[in-house]
């Protein structure tokens, strides 16, 4: 006899040999060609940020997702001569949030500090440039 049980976020399904012998009646849903999040990289065709892009490494979700979105959006849309220089407050809020969750957002060791950009706007610029290269390569 087949049955299911839930363990946290996982759903475990047990089936019998007889269950495997009958053909599946599962219906596959075709990909939606108009899905705005499908295979567009960091920037959607309309110019918006694709928060579902794997290039963001899940930073847009989680306990500091809103702070990340605010900081990244500010940097992305910044028109300042030094891009992102008007976003220090948003980056500071994001950093303060991340410090509250050291298990999710581990701090770098002191020896690794030299490789890190001097300020958050440079870090976001590097992330955005990397994501843009990835998006261009997949196009």
C-alpha atoms as a PDB file:
ATOM      1  CA  UNK A   1       0.000   0.000   0.000  1.00  0.00           C
ATOM      2  CA  UNK A   2       1.435   3.380  -1.013  1.00  0.00           C
ATOM      3  CA  UNK A   3       1.477   6.306   1.376  1.00  0.00           C
ATOM      4  CA  UNK A   4       3.027   9.749   1.845  1.00  0.00           C
ATOM      5  CA  UNK A   5       4.460  11.563   4.814  1.00  0.00           C
ATOM      6  CA  UNK A   6       5.838  15.046   5.319  1.00  0.00           C
ATOM      7  CA  UNK A   7       9.216  15.596   7.019  1.00  0.00           C
ATOM      8  CA  UNK A   8       9.903  19.294   7.242  1.00  0.00           C
ATOM      9  CA  UNK A   9       9.997  20.685   3.719  1.00  0.00           C
ATOM     10  CA  UNK A  10      10.291  17.204   2.173  1.00  0.00           C
ATOM     11  CA  UNK A  11       7.424  14.998   1.072  1.00  0.00           C
ATOM     12  CA  UNK A  12       8.308  11.294   1.185  1.00  0.00           C
ATOM     13  CA  UNK A  13       6.257   8.960  -0.998  1.00  0.00           C
ATOM     14  CA  UNK A  14       6.382   5.212  -0.508  1.00  0.00           C
ATOM     15  CA  UNK A  15       5.062   3.046  -3.337  1.00  0.00           C
ATOM     16  CA  UNK A  16       4.569  -0.659  -3.807  1.00  0.00           C
ATOM     17  CA  UNK A  17       5.817  -2.898  -6.591  1.00  0.00           C
ATOM     18  CA  UNK A  18       2.281  -2.919  -7.993  1.00  0.00           C
ATOM     19  CA  UNK A  19       2.302   0.898  -8.117  1.00  0.00           C
ATOM     20  CA  UNK A  20       5.386   0.755 -10.333  1.00  0.00           C
ATOM     21  CA  UNK A  21       3.836  -1.801 -12.671  1.00  0.00           C
ATOM     22  CA  UNK A  22       0.959   0.453 -13.710  1.00  0.00           C
ATOM     23  CA  UNK A  23       1.641   3.200 -16.248  1.00  0.00           C
ATOM     24  CA  UNK A  24       1.939   6.708 -14.885  1.00  0.00           C
ATOM     25  CA  UNK A  25      -0.985   9.061 -15.357  1.00  0.00           C
ATOM     26  CA  UNK A  26       1.033  12.150 -14.445  1.00  0.00           C
ATOM     27  CA  UNK A  27       0.556  15.110 -16.751  1.00  0.00           C
ATOM     28  CA  UNK A  28       3.604  17.176 -17.552  1.00  0.00           C
ATOM     29  CA  UNK A  29       3.072  20.897 -17.740  1.00  0.00           C
ATOM     30  CA  UNK A  30       4.798  22.468 -20.730  1.00  0.00           C
ATOM     31  CA  UNK A  31       7.124  25.384 -20.065  1.00  0.00           C
ATOM     32  CA  UNK A  32       5.418  28.715 -20.491  1.00  0.00           C
ATOM     33  CA  UNK A  33       7.214  30.536 -23.340  1.00  0.00           C
ATOM     34  CA  UNK A  34       5.948  33.832 -21.905  1.00  0.00           C
ATOM     35  CA  UNK A  35       7.379  33.231 -18.409  1.00  0.00           C
ATOM     36  CA  UNK A  36       9.236  36.485 -17.691  1.00  0.00           C
ATOM     37  CA  UNK A  37      11.700  34.739 -15.344  1.00  0.00           C
ATOM     38  CA  UNK A  38      12.754  31.928 -17.667  1.00  0.00           C
ATOM     39  CA  UNK A  39      16.352  32.054 -18.912  1.00  0.00           C
ATOM     40  CA  UNK A  40      16.799  35.827 -18.915  1.00  0.00           C
ATOM     41  CA  UNK A  41      19.700  36.208 -16.536  1.00  0.00           C
ATOM     42  CA  UNK A  42      19.932  39.117 -14.136  1.00  0.00           C
ATOM     43  CA  UNK A  43      18.027  41.713 -16.163  1.00  0.00           C
ATOM     44  CA  UNK A  44      14.621  40.983 -17.677  1.00  0.00           C
ATOM     45  CA  UNK A  45      13.786  42.228 -21.186  1.00  0.00           C
ATOM     46  CA  UNK A  46      11.787  45.107 -19.674  1.00  0.00           C
ATOM     47  CA  UNK A  47      14.873  46.260 -17.688  1.00  0.00           C
ATOM     48  CA  UNK A  48      13.687  45.028 -14.282  1.00  0.00           C
ATOM     49  CA  UNK A  49      15.927  42.964 -12.032  1.00  0.00           C
ATOM     50  CA  UNK A  50      15.221  39.221 -12.160  1.00  0.00           C
ATOM     51  CA  UNK A  51      15.219  38.372  -8.454  1.00  0.00           C
ATOM     52  CA  UNK A  52      14.898  34.675  -9.360  1.00  0.00           C
ATOM     53  CA  UNK A  53      18.207  34.633 -11.262  1.00  0.00           C
ATOM     54  CA  UNK A  54      20.499  31.893  -9.908  1.00  0.00           C
ATOM     55  CA  UNK A  55      23.352  34.370 -10.339  1.00  0.00           C
ATOM     56  CA  UNK A  56      22.148  36.130  -7.157  1.00  0.00           C
ATOM     57  CA  UNK A  57      22.783  32.988  -5.153  1.00  0.00           C
ATOM     58  CA  UNK A  58      19.482  33.189  -3.285  1.00  0.00           C
ATOM     59  CA  UNK A  59      20.400  36.502  -1.663  1.00  0.00           C
ATOM     60  CA  UNK A  60      17.029  38.005  -2.621  1.00  0.00           C
ATOM     61  CA  UNK A  61      15.260  35.583  -0.278  1.00  0.00           C
ATOM     62  CA  UNK A  62      15.858  34.756   3.351  1.00  0.00           C
ATOM     63  CA  UNK A  63      15.836  36.964   6.416  1.00  0.00           C
ATOM     64  CA  UNK A  64      17.821  39.771   4.747  1.00  0.00           C
ATOM     65  CA  UNK A  65      16.266  39.471   1.294  1.00  0.00           C
ATOM     66  CA  UNK A  66      14.437  42.799   1.449  1.00  0.00           C
ATOM     67  CA  UNK A  67      17.588  44.644   2.554  1.00  0.00           C
ATOM     68  CA  UNK A  68      19.546  42.961  -0.246  1.00  0.00           C
ATOM     69  CA  UNK A  69      16.907  43.935  -2.812  1.00  0.00           C
ATOM     70  CA  UNK A  70      16.916  47.548  -1.599  1.00  0.00           C
ATOM     71  CA  UNK A  71      20.717  47.804  -1.752  1.00  0.00           C
ATOM     72  CA  UNK A  72      21.085  45.998  -5.075  1.00  0.00           C
ATOM     73  CA  UNK A  73      18.236  47.964  -6.692  1.00  0.00           C
ATOM     74  CA  UNK A  74      19.712  51.230  -5.479  1.00  0.00           C
ATOM     75  CA  UNK A  75      23.101  50.290  -6.915  1.00  0.00           C
ATOM     76  CA  UNK A  76      21.686  48.996 -10.198  1.00  0.00           C
ATOM     77  CA  UNK A  77      19.623  52.117 -10.860  1.00  0.00           C
ATOM     78  CA  UNK A  78      22.206  54.559  -9.438  1.00  0.00           C
ATOM     79  CA  UNK A  79      23.013  57.515 -11.695  1.00  0.00           C
ATOM     80  CA  UNK A  80      25.819  58.916  -9.510  1.00  0.00           C
ATOM     81  CA  UNK A  81      29.292  59.522 -10.954  1.00  0.00           C
ATOM     82  CA  UNK A  82      30.620  56.920  -8.537  1.00  0.00           C
ATOM     83  CA  UNK A  83      27.951  54.273  -9.139  1.00  0.00           C
ATOM     84  CA  UNK A  84      26.238  53.297  -5.914  1.00  0.00           C
ATOM     85  CA  UNK A  85      27.703  56.083  -3.818  1.00  0.00           C
ATOM     86  CA  UNK A  86      24.137  57.113  -3.002  1.00  0.00           C
ATOM     87  CA  UNK A  87      23.373  53.629  -1.620  1.00  0.00           C
ATOM     88  CA  UNK A  88      25.580  53.493   1.472  1.00  0.00           C
ATOM     89  CA  UNK A  89      22.580  53.493   3.822  1.00  0.00           C
ATOM     90  CA  UNK A  90      20.965  50.532   2.074  1.00  0.00           C
ATOM     91  CA  UNK A  91      24.216  48.554   2.085  1.00  0.00           C
ATOM     92  CA  UNK A  92      24.749  49.360   5.759  1.00  0.00           C
ATOM     93  CA  UNK A  93      21.223  48.103   6.580  1.00  0.00           C
ATOM     94  CA  UNK A  94      21.907  44.908   4.615  1.00  0.00           C
ATOM     95  CA  UNK A  95      25.214  44.350   6.417  1.00  0.00           C
ATOM     96  CA  UNK A  96      23.629  44.950   9.833  1.00  0.00           C
ATOM     97  CA  UNK A  97      20.909  42.441   9.017  1.00  0.00           C
ATOM     98  CA  UNK A  98      23.436  39.833   7.855  1.00  0.00           C
ATOM     99  CA  UNK A  99      25.430  40.226  11.080  1.00  0.00           C
ATOM    100  CA  UNK A 100      22.326  39.096  12.987  1.00  0.00           C
ATOM    101  CA  UNK A 101      22.438  35.740  11.138  1.00  0.00           C
ATOM    102  CA  UNK A 102      26.085  34.561  11.211  1.00  0.00           C
ATOM    103  CA  UNK A 103      25.102  30.965  10.394  1.00  0.00           C
ATOM    104  CA  UNK A 104      23.426  32.054   7.151  1.00  0.00           C
ATOM    105  CA  UNK A 105      25.866  34.831   6.260  1.00  0.00           C
ATOM    106  CA  UNK A 106      29.306  33.844   7.605  1.00  0.00           C
ATOM    107  CA  UNK A 107      31.853  36.627   7.998  1.00  0.00           C
ATOM    108  CA  UNK A 108      35.157  36.306   6.143  1.00  0.00           C
ATOM    109  CA  UNK A 109      38.332  35.504   8.035  1.00  0.00           C
ATOM    110  CA  UNK A 110      40.874  38.300   8.479  1.00  0.00           C
ATOM    111  CA  UNK A 111      43.279  36.700   5.983  1.00  0.00           C
ATOM    112  CA  UNK A 112      40.619  36.845   3.264  1.00  0.00           C
ATOM    113  CA  UNK A 113      39.955  40.547   3.843  1.00  0.00           C
ATOM    114  CA  UNK A 114      42.532  41.660   1.217  1.00  0.00           C
ATOM    115  CA  UNK A 115      40.590  40.076  -1.658  1.00  0.00           C
ATOM    116  CA  UNK A 116      37.404  41.906  -0.679  1.00  0.00           C
ATOM    117  CA  UNK A 117      36.464  45.236  -2.290  1.00  0.00           C
ATOM    118  CA  UNK A 118      36.935  48.286  -0.069  1.00  0.00           C
ATOM    119  CA  UNK A 119      33.259  49.236   0.062  1.00  0.00           C
ATOM    120  CA  UNK A 120      29.863  47.602  -0.534  1.00  0.00           C
ATOM    121  CA  UNK A 121      29.195  49.485  -3.772  1.00  0.00           C
ATOM    122  CA  UNK A 122      32.329  47.949  -5.299  1.00  0.00           C
ATOM    123  CA  UNK A 123      31.196  44.511  -4.146  1.00  0.00           C
ATOM    124  CA  UNK A 124      27.784  45.020  -5.749  1.00  0.00           C
ATOM    125  CA  UNK A 125      29.457  46.295  -8.924  1.00  0.00           C
ATOM    126  CA  UNK A 126      31.553  43.135  -9.099  1.00  0.00           C
ATOM    127  CA  UNK A 127      28.472  40.988  -8.515  1.00  0.00           C
ATOM    128  CA  UNK A 128      26.448  42.874 -11.120  1.00  0.00           C
ATOM    129  CA  UNK A 129      29.274  42.727 -13.675  1.00  0.00           C
ATOM    130  CA  UNK A 130      29.691  38.988 -13.112  1.00  0.00           C
ATOM    131  CA  UNK A 131      25.954  38.408 -13.460  1.00  0.00           C
ATOM    132  CA  UNK A 132      25.819  40.557 -16.599  1.00  0.00           C
ATOM    133  CA  UNK A 133      28.657  38.517 -18.172  1.00  0.00           C
ATOM    134  CA  UNK A 134      26.805  35.321 -17.302  1.00  0.00           C
ATOM    135  CA  UNK A 135      23.592  36.665 -18.821  1.00  0.00           C
ATOM    136  CA  UNK A 136      25.399  37.753 -21.984  1.00  0.00           C
ATOM    137  CA  UNK A 137      27.064  34.361 -22.310  1.00  0.00           C
ATOM    138  CA  UNK A 138      23.722  32.554 -22.084  1.00  0.00           C
ATOM    139  CA  UNK A 139      22.094  34.782 -24.730  1.00  0.00           C
END
